[in-house]
């Protein structure tokens, strides 16, 4: 194959190789987001307890 053909194959294969990294970032963001939601829920519960609600 010529170099141009090899470059085209590499360019088309690159998104498939990057997909697992993107999935890991997405899962990491989801875990961080859910952790933040839990912290907010605990903080609101503490505020409600202090306010006497």
C-alpha atoms as a PDB file:
ATOM      1  CA  UNK A   1       0.000   0.000   0.000  1.00  0.00           C
ATOM      2  CA  UNK A   2       1.078   3.531  -0.548  1.00  0.00           C
ATOM      3  CA  UNK A   3       1.719   5.869   2.349  1.00  0.00           C
ATOM      4  CA  UNK A   4      -1.437   7.833   1.542  1.00  0.00           C
ATOM      5  CA  UNK A   5      -3.557   4.684   1.804  1.00  0.00           C
ATOM      6  CA  UNK A   6      -1.904   3.767   5.092  1.00  0.00           C
ATOM      7  CA  UNK A   7      -2.576   7.270   6.406  1.00  0.00           C
ATOM      8  CA  UNK A   8      -6.243   6.978   5.417  1.00  0.00           C
ATOM      9  CA  UNK A   9      -6.550   3.647   7.228  1.00  0.00           C
ATOM     10  CA  UNK A  10      -4.979   5.160  10.337  1.00  0.00           C
ATOM     11  CA  UNK A  11      -7.272   8.192  10.181  1.00  0.00           C
ATOM     12  CA  UNK A  12     -10.411   6.052   9.944  1.00  0.00           C
ATOM     13  CA  UNK A  13      -9.241   3.694  12.689  1.00  0.00           C
ATOM     14  CA  UNK A  14      -8.359   6.506  15.116  1.00  0.00           C
ATOM     15  CA  UNK A  15     -11.925   7.192  16.366  1.00  0.00           C
ATOM     16  CA  UNK A  16     -12.368   3.506  17.160  1.00  0.00           C
ATOM     17  CA  UNK A  17      -9.136   3.547  19.141  1.00  0.00           C
ATOM     18  CA  UNK A  18     -10.170   6.701  21.022  1.00  0.00           C
ATOM     19  CA  UNK A  19     -13.659   5.436  21.839  1.00  0.00           C
ATOM     20  CA  UNK A  20     -12.664   3.496  24.981  1.00  0.00           C
ATOM     21  CA  UNK A  21     -10.933   6.589  26.377  1.00  0.00           C
ATOM     22  CA  UNK A  22     -14.029   8.666  25.665  1.00  0.00           C
ATOM     23  CA  UNK A  23     -16.186   6.064  27.382  1.00  0.00           C
ATOM     24  CA  UNK A  24     -13.904   6.125  30.421  1.00  0.00           C
ATOM     25  CA  UNK A  25     -14.170   9.916  30.577  1.00  0.00           C
ATOM     26  CA  UNK A  26     -17.957   9.708  30.311  1.00  0.00           C
ATOM     27  CA  UNK A  27     -18.187   7.118  33.078  1.00  0.00           C
ATOM     28  CA  UNK A  28     -15.823   9.163  35.232  1.00  0.00           C
ATOM     29  CA  UNK A  29     -17.927  12.286  34.728  1.00  0.00           C
ATOM     30  CA  UNK A  30     -21.090  10.353  35.605  1.00  0.00           C
ATOM     31  CA  UNK A  31     -19.512   9.039  38.809  1.00  0.00           C
ATOM     32  CA  UNK A  32     -18.287  12.511  39.767  1.00  0.00           C
ATOM     33  CA  UNK A  33     -21.706  14.002  38.995  1.00  0.00           C
ATOM     34  CA  UNK A  34     -23.525  11.424  41.084  1.00  0.00           C
ATOM     35  CA  UNK A  35     -21.071  11.980  43.946  1.00  0.00           C
ATOM     36  CA  UNK A  36     -21.733  15.715  43.796  1.00  0.00           C
ATOM     37  CA  UNK A  37     -25.485  15.066  43.831  1.00  0.00           C
ATOM     38  CA  UNK A  38     -25.129  12.933  46.969  1.00  0.00           C
ATOM     39  CA  UNK A  39     -23.113  15.667  48.697  1.00  0.00           C
ATOM     40  CA  UNK A  40     -25.727  18.280  47.788  1.00  0.00           C
ATOM     41  CA  UNK A  41     -28.518  16.050  49.079  1.00  0.00           C
ATOM     42  CA  UNK A  42     -26.693  15.582  52.397  1.00  0.00           C
ATOM     43  CA  UNK A  43     -26.044  19.319  52.683  1.00  0.00           C
ATOM     44  CA  UNK A  44     -29.700  20.133  52.026  1.00  0.00           C
ATOM     45  CA  UNK A  45     -30.763  17.560  54.597  1.00  0.00           C
ATOM     46  CA  UNK A  46     -28.434  19.109  57.173  1.00  0.00           C
ATOM     47  CA  UNK A  47     -29.727  22.598  56.409  1.00  0.00           C
ATOM     48  CA  UNK A  48     -33.320  21.401  56.725  1.00  0.00           C
ATOM     49  CA  UNK A  49     -32.495  19.733  60.058  1.00  0.00           C
ATOM     50  CA  UNK A  50     -30.863  22.905  61.415  1.00  0.00           C
ATOM     51  CA  UNK A  51     -33.761  25.034  60.170  1.00  0.00           C
ATOM     52  CA  UNK A  52     -36.170  22.727  61.972  1.00  0.00           C
ATOM     53  CA  UNK A  53     -38.142  21.730  58.920  1.00  0.00           C
END
